[in-house]
Amino acid sequence: MDTEEAKEKQEKQKEGLLISLEKYLQSGIHIGTKIKTGHMKDFIYKKRRDNIYILDISKIDERIRYALNIITSYPPEEVLVVATRAYAENAAKKMKELVGGIDVIGKRFVPGTLTNPALKNFKEPSIILVCDPRAEKEAIREANMVNIPVVALLDTENLAQGVDFIVPMNNKGRKSLSLFFWLLTREFLVKQGKIESYDKFKVPITSFEKLEI
């Protein structure tokens, strides 16, 4: 372990976080919007002078930790990620490349995907991860109809109807989405025994980013 890795490990242990506070801050995962919904008020730390709401990083970390445990308790083949926005889609597909088996729907969720067996691309996952509840509300609606649990990434402006587990975070940023899927990939690989520990995961977070749209 080099000096930088040792320093980060020490910082994580001291802070009790999945990754260092510095990396969370650099990703902008805590930066919300100028809108606050009732569903998200408990996750908000403060409102800045420019009226942007800031999410509480300790609560982000806690909820991500639970979400990782929930999602990785299923085999990858039973997990569906709905990631219709470019940054989310790219990060999710990088996870699929590294983990294998995970199903990713990008660009557009076709109505009936979870409810109409006659569709060519009909899917029967055991759990779905939704990256933008507003854009992907049809996926949530259909999952609710067939009793598939929904984990969703919610920003300060989002509503949580139909969501079983909220992950509060900036769900629009390239770096924040890359960080989330990097953490989820690392968790899957540890659970699968493909890496011995978190320290063995050497794939850079930047490889989960979409640099061009």
Protein backbone atom coordinates (compact mmCIF):
# COMPACT_ATOMS: atom_id res chain seq x y z
CA MET A 1 0.00 0.00 0.00
CA ASP A 2 1.48 3.36 -1.01
CA THR A 3 1.54 6.46 1.18
CA GLU A 4 -1.57 8.02 -0.41
CA GLU A 5 -3.63 4.83 0.02
CA ALA A 6 -2.51 4.47 3.63
CA LYS A 7 -3.48 8.07 4.33
CA GLU A 8 -6.94 7.62 2.79
CA LYS A 9 -7.52 4.41 4.73
CA GLN A 10 -6.63 6.21 7.94
CA GLU A 11 -9.00 9.07 7.06
CA LYS A 12 -11.88 6.67 6.31
CA GLN A 13 -11.38 4.83 9.59
CA LYS A 14 -11.29 8.10 11.49
CA GLU A 15 -14.43 9.43 9.79
CA GLY A 16 -16.26 6.10 9.70
CA LEU A 17 -17.10 6.55 6.01
CA LEU A 18 -17.02 4.22 3.01
CA ILE A 19 -14.51 6.54 1.36
CA SER A 20 -12.75 9.67 2.56
CA LEU A 21 -14.75 12.84 3.16
CA GLU A 22 -12.49 14.56 0.64
CA LYS A 23 -13.57 12.18 -2.14
CA TYR A 24 -17.22 12.67 -1.30
CA LEU A 25 -16.80 16.44 -1.46
CA GLN A 26 -14.82 16.30 -4.71
CA SER A 27 -17.61 14.31 -6.36
CA GLY A 28 -20.27 16.88 -5.48
CA ILE A 29 -22.51 14.06 -4.28
CA HIS A 30 -23.88 16.36 -1.56
CA ILE A 31 -24.87 19.24 -3.87
CA GLY A 32 -28.63 19.42 -4.25
CA THR A 33 -30.93 21.86 -6.05
CA LYS A 34 -32.94 24.95 -5.14
CA ILE A 35 -36.00 22.80 -4.49
CA LYS A 36 -36.69 20.75 -1.37
CA THR A 37 -39.45 18.16 -1.16
CA GLY A 38 -40.98 16.81 2.01
CA HIS A 39 -39.56 13.37 1.25
CA MET A 40 -36.01 14.74 1.25
CA LYS A 41 -36.06 17.25 4.10
CA ASP A 42 -34.59 14.83 6.64
CA PHE A 43 -31.50 14.31 4.49
CA ILE A 44 -30.69 18.01 4.06
CA TYR A 45 -27.88 19.59 6.03
CA LYS A 46 -28.34 23.25 5.12
CA LYS A 47 -29.28 25.77 2.44
CA ARG A 48 -26.48 27.85 0.95
CA ARG A 49 -26.65 31.59 0.35
CA ASP A 50 -27.40 30.89 -3.33
CA ASN A 51 -30.44 28.86 -2.16
CA ILE A 52 -28.92 25.51 -3.13
CA TYR A 53 -29.79 22.77 -0.64
CA ILE A 54 -26.87 20.69 0.63
CA LEU A 55 -27.30 17.05 1.61
CA ASP A 56 -25.80 15.64 4.80
CA ILE A 57 -22.77 13.53 3.82
CA SER A 58 -23.03 11.31 6.90
CA LYS A 59 -26.61 10.43 5.88
CA ILE A 60 -25.53 9.92 2.25
CA ASP A 61 -22.84 7.52 3.42
CA GLU A 62 -25.22 5.68 5.73
CA ARG A 63 -27.86 5.24 3.04
CA ILE A 64 -25.34 4.20 0.39
CA ARG A 65 -23.98 1.62 2.81
CA TYR A 66 -27.47 0.13 3.30
CA ALA A 67 -28.22 0.30 -0.44
CA LEU A 68 -25.03 -1.60 -1.26
CA ASN A 69 -26.03 -4.35 1.15
CA ILE A 70 -29.57 -4.52 -0.24
CA ILE A 71 -28.60 -4.64 -3.92
CA THR A 72 -25.64 -7.01 -3.58
CA SER A 73 -27.74 -9.47 -1.57
CA TYR A 74 -29.18 -10.43 -4.98
CA PRO A 75 -27.23 -12.23 -7.72
CA PRO A 76 -26.17 -9.73 -10.42
CA GLU A 77 -28.44 -11.51 -12.92
CA GLU A 78 -31.47 -10.52 -10.83
CA VAL A 79 -30.59 -6.81 -10.68
CA LEU A 80 -31.97 -4.28 -13.16
CA VAL A 81 -30.56 -0.75 -13.32
CA VAL A 82 -32.70 1.89 -15.03
CA ALA A 83 -30.32 4.64 -16.10
CA THR A 84 -31.87 6.72 -18.86
CA ARG A 85 -29.61 9.78 -18.48
CA ALA A 86 -26.19 9.70 -20.12
CA TYR A 87 -23.99 10.02 -17.02
CA ALA A 88 -25.92 7.35 -15.14
CA GLU A 89 -26.04 5.02 -18.14
CA ASN A 90 -22.31 5.17 -18.72
CA ALA A 91 -21.49 4.52 -15.06
CA ALA A 92 -24.00 1.66 -14.85
CA LYS A 93 -22.63 0.02 -17.99
CA LYS A 94 -19.11 0.24 -16.61
CA MET A 95 -20.37 -1.60 -13.54
CA LYS A 96 -21.98 -4.23 -15.76
CA GLU A 97 -18.69 -4.66 -17.64
CA LEU A 98 -16.77 -5.29 -14.42
CA VAL A 99 -19.35 -7.32 -12.48
CA GLY A 100 -21.16 -9.14 -15.27
CA GLY A 101 -24.78 -10.29 -15.36
CA ILE A 102 -26.40 -6.99 -14.35
CA ASP A 103 -29.09 -5.72 -16.71
CA VAL A 104 -28.99 -2.02 -17.63
CA ILE A 105 -31.70 -0.06 -19.41
CA GLY A 106 -30.34 3.18 -20.86
CA LYS A 107 -31.83 6.06 -22.84
CA ARG A 108 -35.51 5.01 -22.58
CA PHE A 109 -37.59 2.69 -20.46
CA VAL A 110 -40.17 1.05 -22.73
CA PRO A 111 -43.64 0.85 -21.13
CA GLY A 112 -44.56 -2.75 -20.36
CA THR A 113 -40.95 -3.86 -19.82
CA LEU A 114 -41.85 -5.23 -16.38
CA THR A 115 -45.54 -5.97 -16.91
CA ASN A 116 -46.07 -7.27 -20.45
CA PRO A 117 -44.63 -10.77 -21.08
CA ALA A 118 -45.45 -10.40 -24.78
CA LEU A 119 -42.76 -7.75 -25.20
CA LYS A 120 -39.50 -8.88 -26.77
CA ASN A 121 -37.50 -7.18 -24.00
CA PHE A 122 -39.75 -8.21 -21.10
CA LYS A 123 -37.78 -8.44 -17.86
CA GLU A 124 -38.36 -10.09 -14.50
CA PRO A 125 -35.72 -8.75 -12.10
CA SER A 126 -35.82 -9.35 -8.37
CA ILE A 127 -34.86 -5.71 -7.62
CA ILE A 128 -34.46 -2.51 -9.60
CA LEU A 129 -32.22 0.50 -9.10
CA VAL A 130 -33.64 3.73 -10.50
CA CYS A 131 -31.29 6.65 -11.07
CA ASP A 132 -33.81 9.44 -11.72
CA PRO A 133 -37.32 8.95 -10.28
CA ARG A 134 -38.75 11.79 -12.35
CA ALA A 135 -37.52 10.56 -15.74
CA GLU A 136 -37.96 6.91 -14.80
CA LYS A 137 -41.33 7.06 -13.05
CA GLU A 138 -42.79 4.43 -15.41
CA ALA A 139 -40.18 1.92 -14.23
CA ILE A 140 -41.16 2.63 -10.62
CA ARG A 141 -44.87 2.34 -11.42
CA GLU A 142 -44.44 -1.02 -13.13
CA ALA A 143 -42.15 -2.36 -10.41
CA ASN A 144 -44.80 -1.49 -7.84
CA MET A 145 -47.43 -3.30 -9.92
CA VAL A 146 -45.47 -6.57 -9.87
CA ASN A 147 -44.03 -6.17 -6.35
CA ILE A 148 -40.39 -5.63 -7.31
CA PRO A 149 -38.51 -3.63 -4.64
CA VAL A 150 -37.22 -0.25 -5.81
CA VAL A 151 -33.99 1.41 -4.68
CA ALA A 152 -33.71 4.94 -6.08
CA LEU A 153 -31.20 7.78 -6.16
CA LEU A 154 -33.01 10.95 -5.09
CA ASP A 155 -31.91 14.57 -5.22
CA THR A 156 -33.44 17.27 -2.98
CA GLU A 157 -36.15 18.01 -5.57
CA ASN A 158 -37.35 14.43 -6.03
CA LEU A 159 -40.47 12.72 -4.73
CA ALA A 160 -40.28 9.21 -3.30
CA GLN A 161 -43.66 7.74 -4.23
CA GLY A 162 -43.24 4.07 -5.00
CA VAL A 163 -39.64 3.97 -3.77
CA ASP A 164 -38.79 1.38 -1.13
CA PHE A 165 -35.33 2.69 -0.28
CA ILE A 166 -34.02 6.23 -0.83
CA VAL A 167 -30.38 7.01 -1.53
CA PRO A 168 -30.06 10.80 -1.09
CA MET A 169 -27.47 12.22 -3.50
CA ASN A 170 -26.80 14.43 -6.49
CA ASN A 171 -28.31 12.16 -9.15
CA LYS A 172 -27.41 14.40 -12.09
CA GLY A 173 -23.67 14.96 -11.72
CA ARG A 174 -21.12 12.98 -13.71
CA LYS A 175 -18.74 12.62 -10.79
CA SER A 176 -21.39 11.83 -8.17
CA LEU A 177 -22.99 9.10 -10.29
CA SER A 178 -19.58 7.67 -11.13
CA LEU A 179 -18.73 7.52 -7.45
CA PHE A 180 -21.96 5.73 -6.54
CA PHE A 181 -21.54 3.06 -9.21
CA TRP A 182 -17.86 2.70 -8.36
CA LEU A 183 -18.85 1.93 -4.77
CA LEU A 184 -21.56 -0.51 -5.88
CA THR A 185 -19.15 -2.26 -8.26
CA ARG A 186 -16.56 -2.60 -5.52
CA GLU A 187 -19.18 -4.10 -3.19
CA PHE A 188 -20.30 -6.64 -5.80
CA LEU A 189 -16.73 -7.71 -6.52
CA VAL A 190 -15.99 -8.23 -2.82
CA LYS A 191 -19.22 -10.23 -2.35
CA GLN A 192 -18.36 -12.34 -5.41
CA GLY A 193 -14.87 -13.01 -4.09
CA LYS A 194 -13.28 -11.43 -7.16
CA ILE A 195 -11.31 -9.11 -4.89
CA GLU A 196 -10.30 -9.83 -1.31
CA SER A 197 -11.03 -6.40 0.12
CA TYR A 198 -11.90 -2.82 -0.78
CA ASP A 199 -8.19 -1.99 -0.93
CA LYS A 200 -7.77 -4.41 -3.84
CA PHE A 201 -10.17 -2.49 -6.08
CA LYS A 202 -7.82 -0.49 -8.30
CA VAL A 203 -10.20 0.69 -11.04
CA PRO A 204 -10.22 4.52 -11.02
CA ILE A 205 -13.50 6.31 -10.38
CA THR A 206 -12.88 8.39 -13.51
CA SER A 207 -13.36 5.29 -15.67
CA PHE A 208 -17.05 5.37 -14.70
CA GLU A 209 -17.50 8.91 -16.03
CA LYS A 210 -18.98 9.81 -19.38
CA LEU A 211 -16.72 12.47 -20.80
CA GLU A 212 -18.80 13.30 -23.86
CA ILE A 213 -22.53 13.39 -24.49
